[in-house]
Amino acid sequence: MLDMHALLQAGSQAVQGAAVAADAVGKGYALIGAGLAGGLATLGAGVGIGRVGGQAVEGMARQPENSAKIQTAMIIAAALIEGVALFAAVIAFVMQGKVHF
């Protein structure tokens, strides 16, 4: 919502001056980029954890005697994936915080 407001604000400022409008449009694109970065990081983490969980369940079904090892490896992999997603979300918030109108 804030990204759209920033983009509309940038569009309204285009009438006032070319230099100001170019800077504002660039800031609007920066906010769109920050939103896409956070969204794609979350989407990628969800897909990654889903695949890890699905493959772990499949592995446990094929070899029940190795369930403990598979589950441990799955939890470690899921934690690493979540860590990367959290780092990407923090970077997206930092990017958004750097843009000032």
PDB file of N, CA and C in Angstrom:
ATOM      1  N   MET A   1       0.828  -1.180   0.000  1.00  0.00           N
ATOM      2  CA  MET A   1       0.000   0.000   0.000  1.00  0.00           C
ATOM      3  C   MET A   1       0.875   1.247   0.000  1.00  0.00           C
ATOM      4  N   LEU A   2       1.882   1.251   0.838  1.00  0.00           N
ATOM      5  CA  LEU A   2       2.773   2.402   0.881  1.00  0.00           C
ATOM      6  C   LEU A   2       3.558   2.537  -0.415  1.00  0.00           C
ATOM      7  N   ASP A   3       3.886   1.402  -1.050  1.00  0.00           N
ATOM      8  CA  ASP A   3       4.615   1.455  -2.301  1.00  0.00           C
ATOM      9  C   ASP A   3       3.780   2.113  -3.393  1.00  0.00           C
ATOM     10  N   MET A   4       2.492   1.771  -3.453  1.00  0.00           N
ATOM     11  CA  MET A   4       1.622   2.377  -4.447  1.00  0.00           C
ATOM     12  C   MET A   4       1.447   3.871  -4.178  1.00  0.00           C
ATOM     13  N   HIS A   5       1.318   4.228  -2.910  1.00  0.00           N
ATOM     14  CA  HIS A   5       1.196   5.639  -2.554  1.00  0.00           C
ATOM     15  C   HIS A   5       2.436   6.401  -2.989  1.00  0.00           C
ATOM     16  N   ALA A   6       3.592   5.817  -2.770  1.00  0.00           N
ATOM     17  CA  ALA A   6       4.835   6.470  -3.167  1.00  0.00           C
ATOM     18  C   ALA A   6       4.908   6.618  -4.683  1.00  0.00           C
ATOM     19  N   LEU A   7       4.467   5.597  -5.407  1.00  0.00           N
ATOM     20  CA  LEU A   7       4.493   5.660  -6.863  1.00  0.00           C
ATOM     21  C   LEU A   7       3.506   6.707  -7.383  1.00  0.00           C
ATOM     22  N   LEU A   8       2.314   6.770  -6.783  1.00  0.00           N
ATOM     23  CA  LEU A   8       1.341   7.793  -7.190  1.00  0.00           C
ATOM     24  C   LEU A   8       1.837   9.184  -6.842  1.00  0.00           C
ATOM     25  N   GLN A   9       2.474   9.295  -5.694  1.00  0.00           N
ATOM     26  CA  GLN A   9       3.035  10.591  -5.306  1.00  0.00           C
ATOM     27  C   GLN A   9       4.122  10.999  -6.293  1.00  0.00           C
ATOM     28  N   ALA A  10       4.915  10.042  -6.725  1.00  0.00           N
ATOM     29  CA  ALA A  10       5.961  10.330  -7.703  1.00  0.00           C
ATOM     30  C   ALA A  10       5.337  10.775  -9.026  1.00  0.00           C
ATOM     31  N   GLY A  11       4.236  10.143  -9.410  1.00  0.00           N
ATOM     32  CA  GLY A  11       3.570  10.532 -10.650  1.00  0.00           C
ATOM     33  C   GLY A  11       2.989  11.934 -10.594  1.00  0.00           C
ATOM     34  N   SER A  12       2.450  12.325  -9.429  1.00  0.00           N
ATOM     35  CA  SER A  12       1.893  13.669  -9.307  1.00  0.00           C
ATOM     36  C   SER A  12       2.986  14.730  -9.284  1.00  0.00           C
ATOM     37  N   GLN A  13       4.144  14.370  -8.814  1.00  0.00           N
ATOM     38  CA  GLN A  13       5.236  15.337  -8.778  1.00  0.00           C
ATOM     39  C   GLN A  13       5.882  15.514 -10.150  1.00  0.00           C
ATOM     40  N   ALA A  14       5.576  14.619 -11.100  1.00  0.00           N
ATOM     41  CA  ALA A  14       6.165  14.704 -12.432  1.00  0.00           C
ATOM     42  C   ALA A  14       5.745  15.981 -13.146  1.00  0.00           C
ATOM     43  N   VAL A  15       4.586  16.494 -12.811  1.00  0.00           N
ATOM     44  CA  VAL A  15       4.097  17.720 -13.431  1.00  0.00           C
ATOM     45  C   VAL A  15       4.912  18.922 -12.951  1.00  0.00           C
ATOM     46  N   GLN A  16       5.400  18.874 -11.723  1.00  0.00           N
ATOM     47  CA  GLN A  16       6.065  20.019 -11.111  1.00  0.00           C
ATOM     48  C   GLN A  16       7.462  20.258 -11.666  1.00  0.00           C
ATOM     49  N   GLY A  17       8.184  19.232 -11.992  1.00  0.00           N
ATOM     50  CA  GLY A  17       9.536  19.449 -12.511  1.00  0.00           C
ATOM     51  C   GLY A  17      10.165  18.151 -12.940  1.00  0.00           C
ATOM     52  N   ALA A  18      10.966  18.211 -14.004  1.00  0.00           N
ATOM     53  CA  ALA A  18      11.543  16.992 -14.550  1.00  0.00           C
ATOM     54  C   ALA A  18      12.585  16.396 -13.609  1.00  0.00           C
ATOM     55  N   ALA A  19      13.408  17.211 -12.991  1.00  0.00           N
ATOM     56  CA  ALA A  19      14.463  16.688 -12.114  1.00  0.00           C
ATOM     57  C   ALA A  19      13.872  16.076 -10.851  1.00  0.00           C
ATOM     58  N   VAL A  20      12.885  16.751 -10.293  1.00  0.00           N
ATOM     59  CA  VAL A  20      12.242  16.243  -9.085  1.00  0.00           C
ATOM     60  C   VAL A  20      11.492  14.961  -9.396  1.00  0.00           C
ATOM     61  N   ALA A  21      10.833  14.908 -10.549  1.00  0.00           N
ATOM     62  CA  ALA A  21      10.051  13.735 -10.919  1.00  0.00           C
ATOM     63  C   ALA A  21      10.952  12.529 -11.164  1.00  0.00           C
ATOM     64  N   ALA A  22      12.075  12.732 -11.807  1.00  0.00           N
ATOM     65  CA  ALA A  22      12.985  11.616 -12.074  1.00  0.00           C
ATOM     66  C   ALA A  22      13.492  11.020 -10.773  1.00  0.00           C
ATOM     67  N   ASP A  23      13.803  11.871  -9.820  1.00  0.00           N
ATOM     68  CA  ASP A  23      14.271  11.390  -8.520  1.00  0.00           C
ATOM     69  C   ASP A  23      13.157  10.649  -7.783  1.00  0.00           C
ATOM     70  N   ALA A  24      11.941  11.174  -7.834  1.00  0.00           N
ATOM     71  CA  ALA A  24      10.824  10.547  -7.132  1.00  0.00           C
ATOM     72  C   ALA A  24      10.445   9.219  -7.763  1.00  0.00           C
ATOM     73  N   VAL A  25      10.485   9.130  -9.085  1.00  0.00           N
ATOM     74  CA  VAL A  25      10.174   7.868  -9.748  1.00  0.00           C
ATOM     75  C   VAL A  25      11.229   6.828  -9.391  1.00  0.00           C
ATOM     76  N   GLY A  26      12.478   7.251  -9.330  1.00  0.00           N
ATOM     77  CA  GLY A  26      13.541   6.333  -8.924  1.00  0.00           C
ATOM     78  C   GLY A  26      13.322   5.827  -7.511  1.00  0.00           C
ATOM     79  N   LYS A  27      12.840   6.691  -6.630  1.00  0.00           N
ATOM     80  CA  LYS A  27      12.549   6.275  -5.260  1.00  0.00           C
ATOM     81  C   LYS A  27      11.358   5.324  -5.224  1.00  0.00           C
ATOM     82  N   GLY A  28      10.381   5.553  -6.093  1.00  0.00           N
ATOM     83  CA  GLY A  28       9.248   4.642  -6.184  1.00  0.00           C
ATOM     84  C   GLY A  28       9.677   3.261  -6.644  1.00  0.00           C
ATOM     85  N   TYR A  29      10.569   3.231  -7.626  1.00  0.00           N
ATOM     86  CA  TYR A  29      11.092   1.944  -8.087  1.00  0.00           C
ATOM     87  C   TYR A  29      11.914   1.264  -6.997  1.00  0.00           C
ATOM     88  N   ALA A  30      12.619   2.031  -6.192  1.00  0.00           N
ATOM     89  CA  ALA A  30      13.384   1.450  -5.085  1.00  0.00           C
ATOM     90  C   ALA A  30      12.452   0.785  -4.081  1.00  0.00           C
ATOM     91  N   LEU A  31      11.321   1.419  -3.813  1.00  0.00           N
ATOM     92  CA  LEU A  31      10.355   0.820  -2.886  1.00  0.00           C
ATOM     93  C   LEU A  31       9.717  -0.440  -3.473  1.00  0.00           C
ATOM     94  N   ILE A  32       9.451  -0.424  -4.770  1.00  0.00           N
ATOM     95  CA  ILE A  32       8.924  -1.625  -5.417  1.00  0.00           C
ATOM     96  C   ILE A  32       9.953  -2.747  -5.345  1.00  0.00           C
ATOM     97  N   GLY A  33      11.216  -2.416  -5.562  1.00  0.00           N
ATOM     98  CA  GLY A  33      12.279  -3.420  -5.475  1.00  0.00           C
ATOM     99  C   GLY A  33      12.403  -4.002  -4.083  1.00  0.00           C
ATOM    100  N   ALA A  34      12.257  -3.163  -3.057  1.00  0.00           N
ATOM    101  CA  ALA A  34      12.330  -3.659  -1.680  1.00  0.00           C
ATOM    102  C   ALA A  34      11.166  -4.600  -1.392  1.00  0.00           C
ATOM    103  N   GLY A  35       9.991  -4.254  -1.861  1.00  0.00           N
ATOM    104  CA  GLY A  35       8.837  -5.132  -1.668  1.00  0.00           C
ATOM    105  C   GLY A  35       8.987  -6.456  -2.393  1.00  0.00           C
ATOM    106  N   LEU A  36       9.497  -6.407  -3.614  1.00  0.00           N
ATOM    107  CA  LEU A  36       9.727  -7.647  -4.357  1.00  0.00           C
ATOM    108  C   LEU A  36      10.795  -8.511  -3.689  1.00  0.00           C
ATOM    109  N   ALA A  37      11.810  -7.887  -3.152  1.00  0.00           N
ATOM    110  CA  ALA A  37      12.875  -8.645  -2.484  1.00  0.00           C
ATOM    111  C   ALA A  37      12.328  -9.408  -1.285  1.00  0.00           C
ATOM    112  N   GLY A  38      11.551  -8.733  -0.473  1.00  0.00           N
ATOM    113  CA  GLY A  38      10.964  -9.409   0.694  1.00  0.00           C
ATOM    114  C   GLY A  38       9.984 -10.497   0.299  1.00  0.00           C
ATOM    115  N   GLY A  39       9.161 -10.225  -0.691  1.00  0.00           N
ATOM    116  CA  GLY A  39       8.168 -11.198  -1.129  1.00  0.00           C
ATOM    117  C   GLY A  39       8.784 -12.429  -1.765  1.00  0.00           C
ATOM    118  N   LEU A  40       9.775 -12.232  -2.620  1.00  0.00           N
ATOM    119  CA  LEU A  40      10.419 -13.377  -3.260  1.00  0.00           C
ATOM    120  C   LEU A  40      11.229 -14.198  -2.265  1.00  0.00           C
ATOM    121  N   ALA A  41      11.820 -13.542  -1.275  1.00  0.00           N
ATOM    122  CA  ALA A  41      12.547 -14.287  -0.240  1.00  0.00           C
ATOM    123  C   ALA A  41      11.599 -15.175   0.551  1.00  0.00           C
ATOM    124  N   THR A  42      10.440 -14.641   0.882  1.00  0.00           N
ATOM    125  CA  THR A  42       9.453 -15.427   1.623  1.00  0.00           C
ATOM    126  C   THR A  42       8.925 -16.572   0.772  1.00  0.00           C
ATOM    127  N   LEU A  43       8.661 -16.302  -0.486  1.00  0.00           N
ATOM    128  CA  LEU A  43       8.181 -17.342  -1.392  1.00  0.00           C
ATOM    129  C   LEU A  43       9.220 -18.447  -1.565  1.00  0.00           C
ATOM    130  N   GLY A  44      10.467 -18.060  -1.748  1.00  0.00           N
ATOM    131  CA  GLY A  44      11.527 -19.045  -1.910  1.00  0.00           C
ATOM    132  C   GLY A  44      11.718 -19.905  -0.664  1.00  0.00           C
ATOM    133  N   ALA A  45      11.618 -19.283   0.499  1.00  0.00           N
ATOM    134  CA  ALA A  45      11.758 -20.047   1.742  1.00  0.00           C
ATOM    135  C   ALA A  45      10.609 -21.033   1.903  1.00  0.00           C
ATOM    136  N   GLY A  46       9.415 -20.621   1.563  1.00  0.00           N
ATOM    137  CA  GLY A  46       8.268 -21.523   1.659  1.00  0.00           C
ATOM    138  C   GLY A  46       8.400 -22.712   0.740  1.00  0.00           C
ATOM    139  N   VAL A  47       8.826 -22.474  -0.483  1.00  0.00           N
ATOM    140  CA  VAL A  47       9.015 -23.572  -1.442  1.00  0.00           C
ATOM    141  C   VAL A  47      10.148 -24.484  -0.972  1.00  0.00           C
ATOM    142  N   GLY A  48      11.229 -23.891  -0.483  1.00  0.00           N
ATOM    143  CA  GLY A  48      12.367 -24.689  -0.027  1.00  0.00           C
ATOM    144  C   GLY A  48      12.032 -25.572   1.155  1.00  0.00           C
ATOM    145  N   ILE A  49      11.358 -25.022   2.132  1.00  0.00           N
ATOM    146  CA  ILE A  49      10.999 -25.810   3.308  1.00  0.00           C
ATOM    147  C   ILE A  49       9.968 -26.877   2.939  1.00  0.00           C
ATOM    148  N   GLY A  50       9.073 -26.553   2.035  1.00  0.00           N
ATOM    149  CA  GLY A  50       8.108 -27.548   1.579  1.00  0.00           C
ATOM    150  C   GLY A  50       8.778 -28.731   0.893  1.00  0.00           C
ATOM    151  N   ARG A  51       9.756 -28.426   0.058  1.00  0.00           N
ATOM    152  CA  ARG A  51      10.476 -29.517  -0.621  1.00  0.00           C
ATOM    153  C   ARG A  51      11.293 -30.338   0.368  1.00  0.00           C
ATOM    154  N   VAL A  52      11.970 -29.671   1.292  1.00  0.00           N
ATOM    155  CA  VAL A  52      12.764 -30.395   2.290  1.00  0.00           C
ATOM    156  C   VAL A  52      11.871 -31.305   3.126  1.00  0.00           C
ATOM    157  N   GLY A  53      10.743 -30.775   3.583  1.00  0.00           N
ATOM    158  CA  GLY A  53       9.823 -31.580   4.389  1.00  0.00           C
ATOM    159  C   GLY A  53       9.245 -32.746   3.618  1.00  0.00           C
ATOM    160  N   GLY A  54       8.856 -32.501   2.382  1.00  0.00           N
ATOM    161  CA  GLY A  54       8.281 -33.558   1.559  1.00  0.00           C
ATOM    162  C   GLY A  54       9.280 -34.673   1.275  1.00  0.00           C
ATOM    163  N   GLN A  55      10.494 -34.294   0.941  1.00  0.00           N
ATOM    164  CA  GLN A  55      11.515 -35.305   0.671  1.00  0.00           C
ATOM    165  C   GLN A  55      11.904 -36.064   1.935  1.00  0.00           C
ATOM    166  N   ALA A  56      11.891 -35.386   3.079  1.00  0.00           N
ATOM    167  CA  ALA A  56      12.208 -36.068   4.338  1.00  0.00           C
ATOM    168  C   ALA A  56      11.135 -37.096   4.681  1.00  0.00           C
ATOM    169  N   VAL A  57       9.879 -36.735   4.490  1.00  0.00           N
ATOM    170  CA  VAL A  57       8.798 -37.689   4.763  1.00  0.00           C
ATOM    171  C   VAL A  57       8.888 -38.880   3.812  1.00  0.00           C
ATOM    172  N   GLU A  58       9.217 -38.603   2.571  1.00  0.00           N
ATOM    173  CA  GLU A  58       9.381 -39.690   1.608  1.00  0.00           C
ATOM    174  C   GLU A  58      10.542 -40.602   2.005  1.00  0.00           C
ATOM    175  N   GLY A  59      11.639 -40.000   2.448  1.00  0.00           N
ATOM    176  CA  GLY A  59      12.776 -40.794   2.888  1.00  0.00           C
ATOM    177  C   GLY A  59      12.472 -41.628   4.121  1.00  0.00           C
ATOM    178  N   MET A  60      11.698 -41.054   5.040  1.00  0.00           N
ATOM    179  CA  MET A  60      11.303 -41.806   6.239  1.00  0.00           C
ATOM    180  C   MET A  60      10.378 -42.965   5.883  1.00  0.00           C
ATOM    181  N   ALA A  61       9.539 -42.771   4.882  1.00  0.00           N
ATOM    182  CA  ALA A  61       8.637 -43.840   4.469  1.00  0.00           C
ATOM    183  C   ALA A  61       9.404 -44.982   3.804  1.00  0.00           C
ATOM    184  N   ARG A  62      10.474 -44.630   3.086  1.00  0.00           N
ATOM    185  CA  ARG A  62      11.255 -45.668   2.412  1.00  0.00           C
ATOM    186  C   ARG A  62      12.192 -46.400   3.368  1.00  0.00           C
ATOM    187  N   GLN A  63      12.746 -45.670   4.330  1.00  0.00           N
ATOM    188  CA  GLN A  63      13.694 -46.275   5.272  1.00  0.00           C
ATOM    189  C   GLN A  63      13.326 -45.867   6.697  1.00  0.00           C
ATOM    190  N   PRO A  64      12.380 -46.514   7.299  1.00  0.00           N
ATOM    191  CA  PRO A  64      11.943 -46.134   8.646  1.00  0.00           C
ATOM    192  C   PRO A  64      13.041 -46.253   9.702  1.00  0.00           C
ATOM    193  N   GLU A  65      14.032 -47.106   9.464  1.00  0.00           N
ATOM    194  CA  GLU A  65      15.090 -47.268  10.453  1.00  0.00           C
ATOM    195  C   GLU A  65      16.012 -46.045  10.530  1.00  0.00           C
ATOM    196  N   ASN A  66      16.011 -45.203   9.502  1.00  0.00           N
ATOM    197  CA  ASN A  66      16.848 -43.994   9.487  1.00  0.00           C
ATOM    198  C   ASN A  66      16.031 -42.731   9.759  1.00  0.00           C
ATOM    199  N   SER A  67      14.864 -42.871  10.349  1.00  0.00           N
ATOM    200  CA  SER A  67      13.981 -41.724  10.568  1.00  0.00           C
ATOM    201  C   SER A  67      14.622 -40.653  11.429  1.00  0.00           C
ATOM    202  N   ALA A  68      15.351 -41.051  12.469  1.00  0.00           N
ATOM    203  CA  ALA A  68      15.953 -40.064  13.373  1.00  0.00           C
ATOM    204  C   ALA A  68      17.002 -39.226  12.644  1.00  0.00           C
ATOM    205  N   LYS A  69      17.841 -39.866  11.840  1.00  0.00           N
ATOM    206  CA  LYS A  69      18.870 -39.130  11.095  1.00  0.00           C
ATOM    207  C   LYS A  69      18.247 -38.204  10.063  1.00  0.00           C
ATOM    208  N   ILE A  70      17.235 -38.704   9.380  1.00  0.00           N
ATOM    209  CA  ILE A  70      16.577 -37.899   8.349  1.00  0.00           C
ATOM    210  C   ILE A  70      15.884 -36.700   8.976  1.00  0.00           C
ATOM    211  N   GLN A  71      15.220 -36.920  10.104  1.00  0.00           N
ATOM    212  CA  GLN A  71      14.512 -35.826  10.767  1.00  0.00           C
ATOM    213  C   GLN A  71      15.488 -34.766  11.265  1.00  0.00           C
ATOM    214  N   THR A  72      16.611 -35.182  11.805  1.00  0.00           N
ATOM    215  CA  THR A  72      17.618 -34.222  12.272  1.00  0.00           C
ATOM    216  C   THR A  72      18.142 -33.387  11.119  1.00  0.00           C
ATOM    217  N   ALA A  73      18.468 -34.043  10.013  1.00  0.00           N
ATOM    218  CA  ALA A  73      18.963 -33.319   8.841  1.00  0.00           C
ATOM    219  C   ALA A  73      17.904 -32.370   8.293  1.00  0.00           C
ATOM    220  N   MET A  74      16.636 -32.802   8.319  1.00  0.00           N
ATOM    221  CA  MET A  74      15.551 -31.956   7.822  1.00  0.00           C
ATOM    222  C   MET A  74      15.408 -30.701   8.679  1.00  0.00           C
ATOM    223  N   ILE A  75      15.468 -30.851   9.996  1.00  0.00           N
ATOM    224  CA  ILE A  75      15.306 -29.698  10.885  1.00  0.00           C
ATOM    225  C   ILE A  75      16.456 -28.712  10.702  1.00  0.00           C
ATOM    226  N   ILE A  76      17.672 -29.226  10.545  1.00  0.00           N
ATOM    227  CA  ILE A  76      18.823 -28.342  10.322  1.00  0.00           C
ATOM    228  C   ILE A  76      18.675 -27.599   8.995  1.00  0.00           C
ATOM    229  N   ALA A  77      18.283 -28.301   7.945  1.00  0.00           N
ATOM    230  CA  ALA A  77      18.106 -27.652   6.644  1.00  0.00           C
ATOM    231  C   ALA A  77      17.001 -26.611   6.682  1.00  0.00           C
ATOM    232  N   ALA A  78      15.894 -26.918   7.356  1.00  0.00           N
ATOM    233  CA  ALA A  78      14.791 -25.958   7.456  1.00  0.00           C
ATOM    234  C   ALA A  78      15.226 -24.714   8.231  1.00  0.00           C
ATOM    235  N   ALA A  79      16.028 -24.908   9.274  1.00  0.00           N
ATOM    236  CA  ALA A  79      16.510 -23.754  10.045  1.00  0.00           C
ATOM    237  C   ALA A  79      17.432 -22.876   9.201  1.00  0.00           C
ATOM    238  N   LEU A  80      18.284 -23.485   8.393  1.00  0.00           N
ATOM    239  CA  LEU A  80      19.166 -22.698   7.524  1.00  0.00           C
ATOM    240  C   LEU A  80      18.374 -21.938   6.470  1.00  0.00           C
ATOM    241  N   ILE A  81      17.353 -22.576   5.920  1.00  0.00           N
ATOM    242  CA  ILE A  81      16.513 -21.902   4.926  1.00  0.00           C
ATOM    243  C   ILE A  81      15.795 -20.710   5.567  1.00  0.00           C
ATOM    244  N   GLU A  82      15.268 -20.906   6.763  1.00  0.00           N
ATOM    245  CA  GLU A  82      14.592 -19.810   7.459  1.00  0.00           C
ATOM    246  C   GLU A  82      15.559 -18.676   7.773  1.00  0.00           C
ATOM    247  N   GLY A  83      16.790 -19.019   8.107  1.00  0.00           N
ATOM    248  CA  GLY A  83      17.792 -17.993   8.384  1.00  0.00           C
ATOM    249  C   GLY A  83      18.068 -17.129   7.171  1.00  0.00           C
ATOM    250  N   VAL A  84      18.186 -17.754   6.022  1.00  0.00           N
ATOM    251  CA  VAL A  84      18.417 -16.999   4.791  1.00  0.00           C
ATOM    252  C   VAL A  84      17.216 -16.113   4.475  1.00  0.00           C
ATOM    253  N   ALA A  85      16.010 -16.638   4.665  1.00  0.00           N
ATOM    254  CA  ALA A  85      14.805 -15.847   4.394  1.00  0.00           C
ATOM    255  C   ALA A  85      14.703 -14.663   5.349  1.00  0.00           C
ATOM    256  N   LEU A  86      15.033 -14.877   6.602  1.00  0.00           N
ATOM    257  CA  LEU A  86      14.997 -13.776   7.574  1.00  0.00           C
ATOM    258  C   LEU A  86      16.023 -12.714   7.216  1.00  0.00           C
ATOM    259  N   PHE A  87      17.206 -13.135   6.808  1.00  0.00           N
ATOM    260  CA  PHE A  87      18.241 -12.185   6.399  1.00  0.00           C
ATOM    261  C   PHE A  87      17.778 -11.368   5.194  1.00  0.00           C
ATOM    262  N   ALA A  88      17.149 -12.013   4.221  1.00  0.00           N
ATOM    263  CA  ALA A  88      16.658 -11.303   3.037  1.00  0.00           C
ATOM    264  C   ALA A  88      15.542 -10.329   3.404  1.00  0.00           C
ATOM    265  N   ALA A  89      14.678 -10.713   4.346  1.00  0.00           N
ATOM    266  CA  ALA A  89      13.616  -9.798   4.772  1.00  0.00           C
ATOM    267  C   ALA A  89      14.194  -8.585   5.486  1.00  0.00           C
ATOM    268  N   VAL A  90      15.214  -8.782   6.292  1.00  0.00           N
ATOM    269  CA  VAL A  90      15.866  -7.657   6.971  1.00  0.00           C
ATOM    270  C   VAL A  90      16.503  -6.725   5.945  1.00  0.00           C
ATOM    271  N   ILE A  91      17.162  -7.289   4.939  1.00  0.00           N
ATOM    272  CA  ILE A  91      17.755  -6.469   3.879  1.00  0.00           C
ATOM    273  C   ILE A  91      16.677  -5.668   3.149  1.00  0.00           C
ATOM    274  N   ALA A  92      15.520  -6.280   2.901  1.00  0.00           N
ATOM    275  CA  ALA A  92      14.423  -5.566   2.235  1.00  0.00           C
ATOM    276  C   ALA A  92      13.939  -4.399   3.093  1.00  0.00           C
ATOM    277  N   PHE A  93      13.824  -4.607   4.406  1.00  0.00           N
ATOM    278  CA  PHE A  93      13.419  -3.501   5.288  1.00  0.00           C
ATOM    279  C   PHE A  93      14.473  -2.401   5.338  1.00  0.00           C
ATOM    280  N   VAL A  94      15.724  -2.759   5.296  1.00  0.00           N
ATOM    281  CA  VAL A  94      16.796  -1.755   5.265  1.00  0.00           C
ATOM    282  C   VAL A  94      16.725  -0.964   3.966  1.00  0.00           C
ATOM    283  N   MET A  95      16.482  -1.665   2.846  1.00  0.00           N
ATOM    284  CA  MET A  95      16.347  -0.968   1.566  1.00  0.00           C
ATOM    285  C   MET A  95      15.194   0.030   1.607  1.00  0.00           C
ATOM    286  N   GLN A  96      14.079  -0.396   2.196  1.00  0.00           N
ATOM    287  CA  GLN A  96      12.910   0.477   2.277  1.00  0.00           C
ATOM    288  C   GLN A  96      13.199   1.675   3.190  1.00  0.00           C
ATOM    289  N   GLY A  97      13.964   1.459   4.237  1.00  0.00           N
ATOM    290  CA  GLY A  97      14.279   2.540   5.165  1.00  0.00           C
ATOM    291  C   GLY A  97      15.232   3.571   4.578  1.00  0.00           C
ATOM    292  N   LYS A  98      15.989   3.211   3.558  1.00  0.00           N
ATOM    293  CA  LYS A  98      16.941   4.146   2.947  1.00  0.00           C
ATOM    294  C   LYS A  98      16.260   5.148   2.018  1.00  0.00           C
ATOM    295  N   VAL A  99      15.032   4.887   1.611  1.00  0.00           N
ATOM    296  CA  VAL A  99      14.333   5.762   0.687  1.00  0.00           C
ATOM    297  C   VAL A  99      13.573   6.829   1.480  1.00  0.00           C
ATOM    298  N   HIS A 100      13.878   8.079   1.204  1.00  0.00           N
ATOM    299  CA  HIS A 100      13.205   9.200   1.888  1.00  0.00           C
ATOM    300  C   HIS A 100      12.593  10.127   0.838  1.00  0.00           C
ATOM    301  N   PHE A 101      11.353  10.518   1.090  1.00  0.00           N
ATOM    302  CA  PHE A 101      10.691  11.454   0.181  1.00  0.00           C
ATOM    303  C   PHE A 101      10.755  12.840   0.725  1.00  0.00           C
TER     304      PHE A 101
END
